[in-house]
């Protein structure tokens, strides 16, 4: 179990994530975070001296959550054995599942990411954390494809990530009920096939 101060930091960052979803970037203030977390006034400012520090901590919290998801996704899975099936179809399955998870159970997290990404255009320290998340996604994707024996060219991964981000933005900012396997799988297919085509161009 993390030490109390780390648990409190996580509690404050989780409250900030909720505020990003509920009120947007301008709704995230020290006072609002204290209220949302149910903590005494001044708690957030004791941990994070500036609003930028608060937003950076919130982004780092999302990175931690994403890292935990990536670790879970990379656990051995009998349904995804290296060499089984067609590489393209398996990649489509994986990306479809990832989009369903991100735009479904983790919808709020990625709405928060998009809010932070826009704000990062004005705050270099925040941009560095968002860039860290993007780099980790690229490294994980390439390594995971290799682990599964997928014959997806490494050069396909950067354009796939850009298309994935666009598809995810459309899904999390649209109606929640529109996030269905029937709607998501064609997007996943376009991401995989478009990435491979870009790598071969």
N, C-alpha and C. Protein backbone atom coordinates (compact mmCIF):
# COMPACT_ATOMS: atom_id res chain seq x y z
N UNK A 1 0.85 -1.19 0.00
CA UNK A 1 0.00 0.00 0.00
C UNK A 1 0.89 1.24 0.00
N UNK A 2 0.56 2.24 -0.86
CA UNK A 2 1.40 3.46 -0.90
C UNK A 2 1.30 4.23 0.40
N UNK A 3 2.33 5.03 0.72
CA UNK A 3 2.28 5.85 1.94
C UNK A 3 1.13 6.82 1.90
N UNK A 4 0.69 7.31 3.10
CA UNK A 4 -0.48 8.18 3.15
C UNK A 4 -0.42 9.39 2.23
N UNK A 5 0.77 10.03 2.13
CA UNK A 5 0.84 11.23 1.29
C UNK A 5 0.62 10.89 -0.18
N UNK A 6 1.07 9.69 -0.62
CA UNK A 6 0.85 9.29 -2.01
C UNK A 6 -0.62 8.95 -2.24
N UNK A 7 -1.26 8.35 -1.24
CA UNK A 7 -2.69 8.07 -1.36
C UNK A 7 -3.48 9.37 -1.45
N UNK A 8 -3.09 10.36 -0.66
CA UNK A 8 -3.78 11.64 -0.70
C UNK A 8 -3.57 12.33 -2.04
N UNK A 9 -2.34 12.28 -2.56
CA UNK A 9 -2.08 12.85 -3.88
C UNK A 9 -2.97 12.21 -4.94
N UNK A 10 -3.09 10.88 -4.88
CA UNK A 10 -3.92 10.16 -5.84
C UNK A 10 -5.39 10.56 -5.68
N UNK A 11 -5.83 10.73 -4.43
CA UNK A 11 -7.20 11.15 -4.16
C UNK A 11 -7.48 12.52 -4.77
N UNK A 12 -6.55 13.43 -4.60
CA UNK A 12 -6.71 14.77 -5.17
C UNK A 12 -6.70 14.74 -6.69
N UNK A 13 -5.79 13.95 -7.26
CA UNK A 13 -5.72 13.85 -8.72
C UNK A 13 -6.98 13.22 -9.29
N UNK A 14 -7.52 12.21 -8.60
CA UNK A 14 -8.76 11.59 -9.06
C UNK A 14 -9.92 12.60 -9.03
N UNK A 15 -9.93 13.45 -8.01
CA UNK A 15 -10.95 14.49 -7.95
C UNK A 15 -10.79 15.47 -9.11
N UNK A 16 -9.55 15.79 -9.45
CA UNK A 16 -9.30 16.69 -10.58
C UNK A 16 -9.75 16.06 -11.90
N UNK A 17 -9.53 14.75 -12.05
CA UNK A 17 -10.00 14.06 -13.26
C UNK A 17 -11.51 14.18 -13.38
N UNK A 18 -12.21 13.95 -12.26
CA UNK A 18 -13.67 14.06 -12.27
C UNK A 18 -14.11 15.47 -12.64
N UNK A 19 -13.40 16.47 -12.13
CA UNK A 19 -13.75 17.86 -12.44
C UNK A 19 -13.50 18.20 -13.91
N UNK A 20 -12.43 17.64 -14.48
CA UNK A 20 -12.16 17.86 -15.90
C UNK A 20 -13.34 17.38 -16.74
N UNK A 21 -13.91 16.26 -16.36
CA UNK A 21 -15.04 15.70 -17.10
C UNK A 21 -16.31 16.51 -16.87
N UNK A 22 -16.51 16.92 -15.62
CA UNK A 22 -17.75 17.62 -15.26
C UNK A 22 -17.75 19.08 -15.70
N UNK A 23 -16.60 19.75 -15.57
CA UNK A 23 -16.57 21.20 -15.74
C UNK A 23 -15.55 21.71 -16.75
N UNK A 24 -14.72 20.81 -17.28
CA UNK A 24 -13.68 21.25 -18.20
C UNK A 24 -12.47 21.79 -17.46
N UNK A 25 -11.47 22.20 -18.21
CA UNK A 25 -10.20 22.61 -17.63
C UNK A 25 -10.35 23.79 -16.67
N UNK A 26 -11.27 24.70 -16.96
CA UNK A 26 -11.42 25.89 -16.12
C UNK A 26 -12.09 25.57 -14.79
N UNK A 27 -12.68 24.40 -14.69
CA UNK A 27 -13.31 24.01 -13.43
C UNK A 27 -12.34 23.40 -12.44
N UNK A 28 -11.10 23.19 -12.86
CA UNK A 28 -10.10 22.56 -11.98
C UNK A 28 -9.32 23.64 -11.26
N UNK A 29 -9.69 23.89 -10.02
CA UNK A 29 -8.98 24.81 -9.14
C UNK A 29 -8.68 24.07 -7.84
N UNK A 30 -7.78 24.62 -7.04
CA UNK A 30 -7.46 24.00 -5.77
C UNK A 30 -8.71 23.85 -4.90
N UNK A 31 -9.50 24.89 -4.82
CA UNK A 31 -10.69 24.84 -3.97
C UNK A 31 -11.70 23.81 -4.48
N UNK A 32 -11.88 23.79 -5.80
CA UNK A 32 -12.83 22.84 -6.37
C UNK A 32 -12.38 21.40 -6.14
N UNK A 33 -11.08 21.16 -6.26
CA UNK A 33 -10.55 19.81 -6.02
C UNK A 33 -10.76 19.41 -4.56
N UNK A 34 -10.50 20.33 -3.63
CA UNK A 34 -10.74 20.03 -2.21
C UNK A 34 -12.20 19.63 -1.99
N UNK A 35 -13.11 20.41 -2.56
CA UNK A 35 -14.54 20.12 -2.38
C UNK A 35 -14.91 18.78 -3.00
N UNK A 36 -14.42 18.54 -4.22
CA UNK A 36 -14.77 17.29 -4.93
C UNK A 36 -14.21 16.08 -4.20
N UNK A 37 -13.04 16.23 -3.59
CA UNK A 37 -12.41 15.12 -2.86
C UNK A 37 -12.96 14.98 -1.44
N UNK A 38 -13.75 15.96 -0.99
CA UNK A 38 -14.27 15.92 0.37
C UNK A 38 -13.19 16.14 1.42
N UNK A 39 -12.23 17.02 1.09
CA UNK A 39 -11.10 17.29 1.98
C UNK A 39 -11.14 18.74 2.46
N UNK A 40 -10.47 19.04 3.57
CA UNK A 40 -10.46 20.41 4.09
C UNK A 40 -9.88 21.41 3.08
N UNK A 41 -10.40 22.61 3.12
CA UNK A 41 -9.89 23.67 2.25
C UNK A 41 -8.40 23.87 2.50
N UNK A 42 -7.65 24.00 1.42
CA UNK A 42 -6.20 24.19 1.52
C UNK A 42 -5.40 22.92 1.32
N UNK A 43 -6.08 21.77 1.29
CA UNK A 43 -5.35 20.50 1.14
C UNK A 43 -4.64 20.44 -0.20
N UNK A 44 -5.36 20.73 -1.28
CA UNK A 44 -4.76 20.63 -2.61
C UNK A 44 -3.59 21.60 -2.76
N UNK A 45 -3.73 22.81 -2.23
CA UNK A 45 -2.64 23.79 -2.37
C UNK A 45 -1.43 23.40 -1.53
N UNK A 46 -1.64 22.62 -0.47
CA UNK A 46 -0.50 22.11 0.31
C UNK A 46 0.31 21.10 -0.48
N UNK A 47 -0.37 20.33 -1.29
CA UNK A 47 0.30 19.29 -2.09
C UNK A 47 0.82 19.84 -3.41
N UNK A 48 0.06 20.76 -4.00
CA UNK A 48 0.40 21.29 -5.32
C UNK A 48 0.36 22.81 -5.25
N UNK A 49 1.53 23.44 -5.24
CA UNK A 49 1.63 24.87 -4.97
C UNK A 49 1.04 25.75 -6.07
N UNK A 50 1.00 25.24 -7.29
CA UNK A 50 0.46 26.03 -8.40
C UNK A 50 -0.60 25.20 -9.13
N UNK A 51 -1.39 25.89 -9.93
CA UNK A 51 -2.39 25.18 -10.72
C UNK A 51 -1.71 24.28 -11.74
N UNK A 52 -0.59 24.74 -12.30
CA UNK A 52 0.15 23.91 -13.25
C UNK A 52 0.61 22.62 -12.58
N UNK A 53 1.10 22.71 -11.35
CA UNK A 53 1.54 21.51 -10.62
C UNK A 53 0.37 20.56 -10.40
N UNK A 54 -0.80 21.12 -10.12
CA UNK A 54 -2.00 20.29 -9.94
C UNK A 54 -2.36 19.57 -11.24
N UNK A 55 -2.31 20.29 -12.36
CA UNK A 55 -2.65 19.67 -13.64
C UNK A 55 -1.61 18.63 -14.05
N UNK A 56 -0.34 18.90 -13.77
CA UNK A 56 0.72 17.92 -14.08
C UNK A 56 0.50 16.66 -13.26
N UNK A 57 0.18 16.82 -11.98
CA UNK A 57 -0.07 15.65 -11.13
C UNK A 57 -1.28 14.87 -11.63
N UNK A 58 -2.27 15.56 -12.13
CA UNK A 58 -3.45 14.89 -12.68
C UNK A 58 -3.08 14.09 -13.92
N UNK A 59 -2.26 14.68 -14.78
CA UNK A 59 -1.81 13.95 -15.97
C UNK A 59 -0.98 12.74 -15.58
N UNK A 60 -0.11 12.90 -14.57
CA UNK A 60 0.71 11.77 -14.13
C UNK A 60 -0.17 10.66 -13.54
N UNK A 61 -1.24 11.02 -12.89
CA UNK A 61 -2.16 10.02 -12.37
C UNK A 61 -2.79 9.22 -13.51
N UNK A 62 -3.12 9.89 -14.59
CA UNK A 62 -3.68 9.19 -15.76
C UNK A 62 -2.62 8.27 -16.37
N UNK A 63 -1.36 8.73 -16.41
CA UNK A 63 -0.28 7.87 -16.90
C UNK A 63 -0.17 6.61 -16.05
N UNK A 64 -0.25 6.76 -14.72
CA UNK A 64 -0.20 5.60 -13.82
C UNK A 64 -1.33 4.62 -14.12
N UNK A 65 -2.54 5.15 -14.30
CA UNK A 65 -3.68 4.30 -14.59
C UNK A 65 -3.52 3.59 -15.92
N UNK A 66 -2.99 4.33 -16.90
CA UNK A 66 -2.77 3.73 -18.22
C UNK A 66 -1.70 2.64 -18.15
N UNK A 67 -0.65 2.88 -17.38
CA UNK A 67 0.39 1.87 -17.22
C UNK A 67 -0.18 0.59 -16.61
N UNK A 68 -1.06 0.74 -15.63
CA UNK A 68 -1.69 -0.43 -15.00
C UNK A 68 -2.53 -1.19 -16.03
N UNK A 69 -3.24 -0.46 -16.88
CA UNK A 69 -4.04 -1.11 -17.93
C UNK A 69 -3.15 -1.85 -18.92
N UNK A 70 -2.02 -1.24 -19.28
CA UNK A 70 -1.11 -1.88 -20.23
C UNK A 70 -0.52 -3.16 -19.64
N UNK A 71 -0.19 -3.12 -18.34
CA UNK A 71 0.33 -4.31 -17.68
C UNK A 71 -0.71 -5.42 -17.68
N UNK A 72 -1.96 -5.06 -17.46
CA UNK A 72 -3.05 -6.03 -17.47
C UNK A 72 -3.25 -6.60 -18.87
N UNK A 73 -3.19 -5.73 -19.87
CA UNK A 73 -3.39 -6.17 -21.26
C UNK A 73 -2.31 -7.12 -21.73
N UNK A 74 -1.11 -7.00 -21.17
CA UNK A 74 0.02 -7.82 -21.63
C UNK A 74 0.12 -9.16 -20.91
N UNK A 75 -0.81 -9.44 -20.01
CA UNK A 75 -0.80 -10.75 -19.35
C UNK A 75 -1.11 -11.83 -20.37
N UNK A 76 -0.55 -13.05 -20.18
CA UNK A 76 -0.81 -14.13 -21.14
C UNK A 76 -2.31 -14.37 -21.32
N UNK A 77 -2.69 -14.54 -22.58
CA UNK A 77 -4.10 -14.71 -22.92
C UNK A 77 -4.22 -15.85 -23.91
N UNK A 78 -4.94 -16.87 -23.53
CA UNK A 78 -5.05 -18.06 -24.38
C UNK A 78 -5.69 -17.74 -25.72
N UNK A 79 -6.48 -16.65 -25.77
CA UNK A 79 -7.15 -16.30 -27.02
C UNK A 79 -6.25 -15.54 -27.97
N UNK A 80 -5.09 -15.14 -27.49
CA UNK A 80 -4.17 -14.35 -28.33
C UNK A 80 -2.79 -14.98 -28.29
N UNK A 81 -2.70 -16.18 -28.81
CA UNK A 81 -1.44 -16.92 -28.81
C UNK A 81 -0.64 -16.55 -30.04
N UNK A 82 0.67 -16.26 -29.90
CA UNK A 82 1.48 -15.91 -31.06
C UNK A 82 1.35 -16.95 -32.17
N UNK A 83 1.17 -16.45 -33.39
CA UNK A 83 1.11 -17.36 -34.52
C UNK A 83 -0.29 -17.85 -34.83
N UNK A 84 -1.25 -17.59 -33.96
CA UNK A 84 -2.62 -18.04 -34.20
C UNK A 84 -3.37 -17.03 -35.04
N UNK A 85 -3.92 -17.48 -36.15
CA UNK A 85 -4.78 -16.62 -36.93
C UNK A 85 -4.01 -15.60 -37.76
N UNK A 86 -4.78 -14.74 -38.40
CA UNK A 86 -4.23 -13.72 -39.28
C UNK A 86 -3.81 -12.50 -38.47
N UNK A 87 -2.60 -11.99 -38.75
CA UNK A 87 -2.07 -10.86 -37.98
C UNK A 87 -2.97 -9.63 -38.06
N UNK A 88 -3.47 -9.33 -39.25
CA UNK A 88 -4.29 -8.13 -39.42
C UNK A 88 -5.58 -8.27 -38.63
N UNK A 89 -6.23 -9.44 -38.74
CA UNK A 89 -7.49 -9.64 -38.03
C UNK A 89 -7.28 -9.62 -36.52
N UNK A 90 -6.19 -10.21 -36.05
CA UNK A 90 -5.92 -10.18 -34.62
C UNK A 90 -5.66 -8.75 -34.14
N UNK A 91 -4.91 -7.98 -34.94
CA UNK A 91 -4.67 -6.58 -34.58
C UNK A 91 -5.98 -5.80 -34.53
N UNK A 92 -6.88 -6.06 -35.47
CA UNK A 92 -8.18 -5.40 -35.48
C UNK A 92 -8.96 -5.77 -34.22
N UNK A 93 -8.92 -7.04 -33.83
CA UNK A 93 -9.58 -7.48 -32.61
C UNK A 93 -9.04 -6.73 -31.39
N UNK A 94 -7.71 -6.63 -31.31
CA UNK A 94 -7.07 -5.98 -30.16
C UNK A 94 -7.44 -4.50 -30.08
N UNK A 95 -7.38 -3.81 -31.22
CA UNK A 95 -7.66 -2.38 -31.23
C UNK A 95 -9.15 -2.13 -30.99
N UNK A 96 -9.99 -2.98 -31.52
CA UNK A 96 -11.42 -2.85 -31.26
C UNK A 96 -11.70 -2.98 -29.77
N UNK A 97 -11.09 -3.98 -29.14
CA UNK A 97 -11.27 -4.16 -27.70
C UNK A 97 -10.74 -2.98 -26.91
N UNK A 98 -9.60 -2.44 -27.34
CA UNK A 98 -9.01 -1.29 -26.66
C UNK A 98 -9.91 -0.07 -26.77
N UNK A 99 -10.47 0.18 -27.94
CA UNK A 99 -11.37 1.31 -28.11
C UNK A 99 -12.63 1.15 -27.28
N UNK A 100 -13.17 -0.06 -27.23
CA UNK A 100 -14.37 -0.31 -26.43
C UNK A 100 -14.09 -0.02 -24.95
N UNK A 101 -12.92 -0.44 -24.48
CA UNK A 101 -12.56 -0.21 -23.08
C UNK A 101 -12.34 1.28 -22.79
N UNK A 102 -11.59 1.94 -23.68
CA UNK A 102 -11.26 3.35 -23.46
C UNK A 102 -12.49 4.24 -23.57
N UNK A 103 -13.37 3.96 -24.52
CA UNK A 103 -14.55 4.80 -24.73
C UNK A 103 -15.74 4.36 -23.89
N UNK A 104 -15.60 3.21 -23.22
CA UNK A 104 -16.66 2.69 -22.36
C UNK A 104 -16.32 2.90 -20.89
N UNK A 105 -15.79 1.86 -20.23
CA UNK A 105 -15.47 1.98 -18.80
C UNK A 105 -14.51 3.11 -18.45
N UNK A 106 -13.57 3.43 -19.36
CA UNK A 106 -12.58 4.47 -19.07
C UNK A 106 -12.88 5.77 -19.80
N UNK A 107 -14.12 5.98 -20.18
CA UNK A 107 -14.52 7.17 -20.94
C UNK A 107 -14.08 8.47 -20.25
N UNK A 108 -14.33 8.56 -18.95
CA UNK A 108 -14.00 9.79 -18.22
C UNK A 108 -12.50 10.07 -18.27
N UNK A 109 -11.70 9.03 -18.14
CA UNK A 109 -10.25 9.21 -18.15
C UNK A 109 -9.79 9.86 -19.45
N UNK A 110 -10.33 9.40 -20.58
CA UNK A 110 -9.85 9.91 -21.85
C UNK A 110 -10.48 11.24 -22.23
N UNK A 111 -11.66 11.54 -21.70
CA UNK A 111 -12.17 12.90 -21.81
C UNK A 111 -11.21 13.85 -21.09
N UNK A 112 -10.74 13.43 -19.93
CA UNK A 112 -9.78 14.24 -19.18
C UNK A 112 -8.48 14.41 -19.95
N UNK A 113 -8.02 13.35 -20.61
CA UNK A 113 -6.79 13.43 -21.40
C UNK A 113 -6.93 14.50 -22.49
N UNK A 114 -8.07 14.52 -23.17
CA UNK A 114 -8.26 15.50 -24.24
C UNK A 114 -8.30 16.92 -23.69
N UNK A 115 -8.93 17.11 -22.54
CA UNK A 115 -8.92 18.43 -21.91
C UNK A 115 -7.48 18.86 -21.59
N UNK A 116 -6.71 17.92 -21.03
CA UNK A 116 -5.32 18.23 -20.67
C UNK A 116 -4.45 18.47 -21.90
N UNK A 117 -4.71 17.73 -22.96
CA UNK A 117 -3.92 17.90 -24.19
C UNK A 117 -4.10 19.32 -24.73
N UNK A 118 -5.31 19.82 -24.74
CA UNK A 118 -5.53 21.19 -25.23
C UNK A 118 -4.84 22.20 -24.33
N UNK A 119 -4.94 22.00 -23.02
CA UNK A 119 -4.29 22.92 -22.08
C UNK A 119 -2.77 22.86 -22.20
N UNK A 120 -2.25 21.69 -22.57
CA UNK A 120 -0.79 21.52 -22.66
C UNK A 120 -0.17 22.38 -23.76
N UNK A 121 -0.99 22.87 -24.70
CA UNK A 121 -0.47 23.77 -25.73
C UNK A 121 0.06 25.05 -25.12
N UNK A 122 -0.40 25.37 -23.90
CA UNK A 122 0.00 26.60 -23.22
C UNK A 122 0.90 26.34 -22.01
N UNK A 123 1.11 25.07 -21.66
CA UNK A 123 1.88 24.74 -20.46
C UNK A 123 2.90 23.64 -20.79
N UNK A 124 4.15 24.00 -21.01
CA UNK A 124 5.17 23.02 -21.40
C UNK A 124 5.34 21.85 -20.44
N UNK A 125 5.24 22.09 -19.14
CA UNK A 125 5.40 20.99 -18.18
C UNK A 125 4.30 19.97 -18.33
N UNK A 126 3.11 20.42 -18.61
CA UNK A 126 1.98 19.52 -18.83
C UNK A 126 2.15 18.78 -20.15
N UNK A 127 2.64 19.49 -21.17
CA UNK A 127 2.88 18.86 -22.47
C UNK A 127 3.86 17.71 -22.35
N UNK A 128 4.87 17.86 -21.50
CA UNK A 128 5.88 16.81 -21.34
C UNK A 128 5.26 15.53 -20.80
N UNK A 129 4.31 15.65 -19.88
CA UNK A 129 3.67 14.47 -19.31
C UNK A 129 2.76 13.81 -20.34
N UNK A 130 2.02 14.60 -21.09
CA UNK A 130 1.15 14.05 -22.13
C UNK A 130 1.99 13.35 -23.20
N UNK A 131 3.13 13.95 -23.54
CA UNK A 131 4.03 13.33 -24.52
C UNK A 131 4.58 12.00 -23.98
N UNK A 132 4.81 11.94 -22.67
CA UNK A 132 5.27 10.70 -22.04
C UNK A 132 4.22 9.59 -22.22
N UNK A 133 2.96 9.95 -22.03
CA UNK A 133 1.89 8.97 -22.21
C UNK A 133 1.85 8.48 -23.65
N UNK A 134 1.98 9.40 -24.60
CA UNK A 134 1.96 9.03 -26.01
C UNK A 134 3.13 8.11 -26.36
N UNK A 135 4.32 8.43 -25.84
CA UNK A 135 5.50 7.60 -26.11
C UNK A 135 5.34 6.21 -25.51
N UNK A 136 4.77 6.13 -24.32
CA UNK A 136 4.57 4.83 -23.70
C UNK A 136 3.59 3.98 -24.50
N UNK A 137 2.55 4.62 -25.03
CA UNK A 137 1.59 3.89 -25.85
C UNK A 137 2.26 3.33 -27.10
N UNK A 138 3.13 4.14 -27.72
CA UNK A 138 3.82 3.68 -28.93
C UNK A 138 4.75 2.52 -28.61
N UNK A 139 5.51 2.64 -27.53
CA UNK A 139 6.45 1.56 -27.16
C UNK A 139 5.70 0.29 -26.79
N UNK A 140 4.62 0.43 -26.04
CA UNK A 140 3.85 -0.75 -25.64
C UNK A 140 3.24 -1.43 -26.86
N UNK A 141 2.67 -0.63 -27.76
CA UNK A 141 2.02 -1.21 -28.94
C UNK A 141 3.00 -2.02 -29.76
N UNK A 142 4.18 -1.44 -30.04
CA UNK A 142 5.18 -2.16 -30.82
C UNK A 142 5.64 -3.43 -30.12
N UNK A 143 5.92 -3.33 -28.81
CA UNK A 143 6.37 -4.50 -28.06
C UNK A 143 5.32 -5.57 -27.97
N UNK A 144 4.07 -5.17 -27.77
CA UNK A 144 2.98 -6.14 -27.63
C UNK A 144 2.72 -6.85 -28.95
N UNK A 145 2.78 -6.11 -30.07
CA UNK A 145 2.62 -6.74 -31.37
C UNK A 145 3.71 -7.79 -31.60
N UNK A 146 4.95 -7.43 -31.24
CA UNK A 146 6.06 -8.36 -31.42
C UNK A 146 5.88 -9.60 -30.53
N UNK A 147 5.43 -9.39 -29.30
CA UNK A 147 5.22 -10.49 -28.36
C UNK A 147 4.18 -11.48 -28.87
N UNK A 148 3.14 -10.95 -29.53
CA UNK A 148 2.08 -11.79 -30.07
C UNK A 148 2.42 -12.37 -31.43
N UNK A 149 3.56 -11.97 -31.98
CA UNK A 149 3.95 -12.48 -33.28
C UNK A 149 3.19 -11.86 -34.44
N UNK A 150 2.64 -10.67 -34.22
CA UNK A 150 1.90 -10.01 -35.29
C UNK A 150 2.87 -9.44 -36.32
N UNK A 151 2.53 -9.64 -37.56
CA UNK A 151 3.39 -9.13 -38.64
C UNK A 151 2.89 -7.74 -39.07
N UNK A 152 2.92 -6.82 -38.10
CA UNK A 152 2.55 -5.44 -38.38
C UNK A 152 3.85 -4.64 -38.46
N UNK A 153 4.13 -3.97 -39.59
CA UNK A 153 5.40 -3.23 -39.72
C UNK A 153 5.54 -2.18 -38.62
N UNK A 154 6.70 -2.07 -38.01
CA UNK A 154 6.91 -1.03 -36.99
C UNK A 154 6.56 0.36 -37.49
N UNK A 155 6.80 0.62 -38.78
CA UNK A 155 6.50 1.94 -39.34
C UNK A 155 5.00 2.21 -39.39
N UNK A 156 4.18 1.18 -39.21
CA UNK A 156 2.72 1.37 -39.22
C UNK A 156 2.22 1.91 -37.89
N UNK A 157 3.01 1.76 -36.84
CA UNK A 157 2.51 2.10 -35.51
C UNK A 157 2.25 3.60 -35.32
N UNK A 158 3.17 4.51 -35.70
CA UNK A 158 2.87 5.94 -35.52
C UNK A 158 1.57 6.39 -36.19
N UNK A 159 1.34 6.06 -37.48
CA UNK A 159 0.06 6.48 -38.06
C UNK A 159 -1.14 5.79 -37.42
N UNK A 160 -0.96 4.54 -36.97
CA UNK A 160 -2.05 3.85 -36.28
C UNK A 160 -2.42 4.58 -35.00
N UNK A 161 -1.42 5.07 -34.26
CA UNK A 161 -1.70 5.78 -33.01
C UNK A 161 -2.43 7.10 -33.27
N UNK A 162 -2.06 7.78 -34.35
CA UNK A 162 -2.75 9.03 -34.69
C UNK A 162 -4.21 8.75 -35.03
N UNK A 163 -4.44 7.70 -35.82
CA UNK A 163 -5.81 7.35 -36.20
C UNK A 163 -6.59 6.84 -34.99
N UNK A 164 -5.92 6.11 -34.12
CA UNK A 164 -6.56 5.63 -32.89
C UNK A 164 -7.03 6.82 -32.04
N UNK A 165 -6.15 7.82 -31.90
CA UNK A 165 -6.51 9.00 -31.11
C UNK A 165 -7.71 9.72 -31.70
N UNK A 166 -7.76 9.81 -33.04
CA UNK A 166 -8.90 10.45 -33.69
C UNK A 166 -10.19 9.67 -33.47
N UNK A 167 -10.10 8.34 -33.61
CA UNK A 167 -11.28 7.51 -33.39
C UNK A 167 -11.74 7.60 -31.94
N UNK A 168 -10.79 7.58 -31.02
CA UNK A 168 -11.14 7.66 -29.60
C UNK A 168 -11.80 9.00 -29.27
N UNK A 169 -11.27 10.08 -29.84
CA UNK A 169 -11.88 11.39 -29.62
C UNK A 169 -13.33 11.41 -30.07
N UNK A 170 -13.57 10.86 -31.27
CA UNK A 170 -14.94 10.83 -31.79
C UNK A 170 -15.85 10.00 -30.89
N UNK A 171 -15.34 8.90 -30.38
CA UNK A 171 -16.16 8.01 -29.56
C UNK A 171 -16.46 8.60 -28.18
N UNK A 172 -15.45 9.18 -27.53
CA UNK A 172 -15.68 9.66 -26.16
C UNK A 172 -16.41 11.00 -26.12
N UNK A 173 -16.41 11.73 -27.23
CA UNK A 173 -17.13 13.00 -27.26
C UNK A 173 -18.51 12.86 -27.90
N UNK A 174 -18.82 11.67 -28.37
CA UNK A 174 -20.14 11.41 -28.92
C UNK A 174 -21.03 10.72 -27.90
N UNK A 175 -22.22 10.31 -28.30
CA UNK A 175 -23.14 9.64 -27.37
C UNK A 175 -22.56 8.32 -26.86
N UNK A 176 -22.65 8.11 -25.56
CA UNK A 176 -22.11 6.88 -24.97
C UNK A 176 -22.76 5.64 -25.56
N UNK A 177 -24.05 5.74 -25.88
CA UNK A 177 -24.76 4.57 -26.41
C UNK A 177 -24.32 4.19 -27.82
N UNK A 178 -23.59 5.08 -28.48
CA UNK A 178 -23.08 4.79 -29.83
C UNK A 178 -21.82 3.95 -29.81
N UNK A 179 -21.24 3.74 -28.62
CA UNK A 179 -20.02 2.94 -28.51
C UNK A 179 -20.43 1.47 -28.43
N UNK A 180 -20.52 0.85 -29.61
CA UNK A 180 -20.92 -0.55 -29.72
C UNK A 180 -19.90 -1.30 -30.56
N UNK A 181 -19.81 -2.62 -30.41
CA UNK A 181 -18.87 -3.38 -31.25
C UNK A 181 -19.12 -3.15 -32.74
N UNK A 182 -20.38 -3.03 -33.13
CA UNK A 182 -20.69 -2.83 -34.55
C UNK A 182 -20.16 -1.50 -35.06
N UNK A 183 -20.13 -0.49 -34.20
CA UNK A 183 -19.63 0.82 -34.61
C UNK A 183 -18.11 0.89 -34.51
N UNK A 184 -17.55 0.19 -33.54
CA UNK A 184 -16.11 0.31 -33.25
C UNK A 184 -15.25 -0.55 -34.17
N UNK A 185 -15.71 -1.75 -34.50
CA UNK A 185 -14.84 -2.64 -35.29
C UNK A 185 -14.45 -2.05 -36.66
N UNK A 186 -15.36 -1.41 -37.41
CA UNK A 186 -14.91 -0.80 -38.67
C UNK A 186 -13.84 0.27 -38.46
N UNK A 187 -13.92 1.00 -37.35
CA UNK A 187 -12.88 1.99 -37.05
C UNK A 187 -11.54 1.29 -36.82
N UNK A 188 -11.57 0.19 -36.05
CA UNK A 188 -10.35 -0.56 -35.78
C UNK A 188 -9.75 -1.10 -37.07
N UNK A 189 -10.60 -1.58 -37.96
CA UNK A 189 -10.12 -2.11 -39.24
C UNK A 189 -9.47 -1.01 -40.07
N UNK A 190 -10.07 0.17 -40.07
CA UNK A 190 -9.50 1.30 -40.82
C UNK A 190 -8.16 1.72 -40.22
N UNK A 191 -8.04 1.67 -38.91
CA UNK A 191 -6.79 2.04 -38.24
C UNK A 191 -5.67 1.08 -38.64
N UNK A 192 -5.94 -0.22 -38.56
CA UNK A 192 -4.91 -1.21 -38.87
C UNK A 192 -4.54 -1.17 -40.34
N UNK A 193 -5.52 -1.22 -41.20
CA UNK A 193 -5.23 -1.27 -42.64
C UNK A 193 -4.65 0.06 -43.12
N UNK A 194 -5.12 1.17 -42.54
CA UNK A 194 -4.57 2.46 -42.92
C UNK A 194 -3.12 2.61 -42.46
N UNK A 195 -2.82 2.11 -41.28
CA UNK A 195 -1.44 2.17 -40.78
C UNK A 195 -0.49 1.35 -41.63
N UNK A 196 -0.93 0.16 -42.00
CA UNK A 196 -0.10 -0.71 -42.85
C UNK A 196 0.12 -0.06 -44.23
N UNK A 197 -0.95 0.52 -44.79
CA UNK A 197 -0.82 1.19 -46.10
C UNK A 197 0.15 2.36 -46.01
N UNK A 198 0.07 3.12 -44.92
CA UNK A 198 0.98 4.26 -44.74
C UNK A 198 2.43 3.79 -44.64
N UNK A 199 2.65 2.66 -43.97
CA UNK A 199 4.01 2.13 -43.81
C UNK A 199 4.58 1.65 -45.13
N UNK A 200 3.72 1.24 -46.03
CA UNK A 200 4.17 0.69 -47.31
C UNK A 200 4.26 1.74 -48.39
N UNK A 201 3.77 2.94 -48.10
CA UNK A 201 3.75 4.01 -49.12
C UNK A 201 5.16 4.51 -49.42
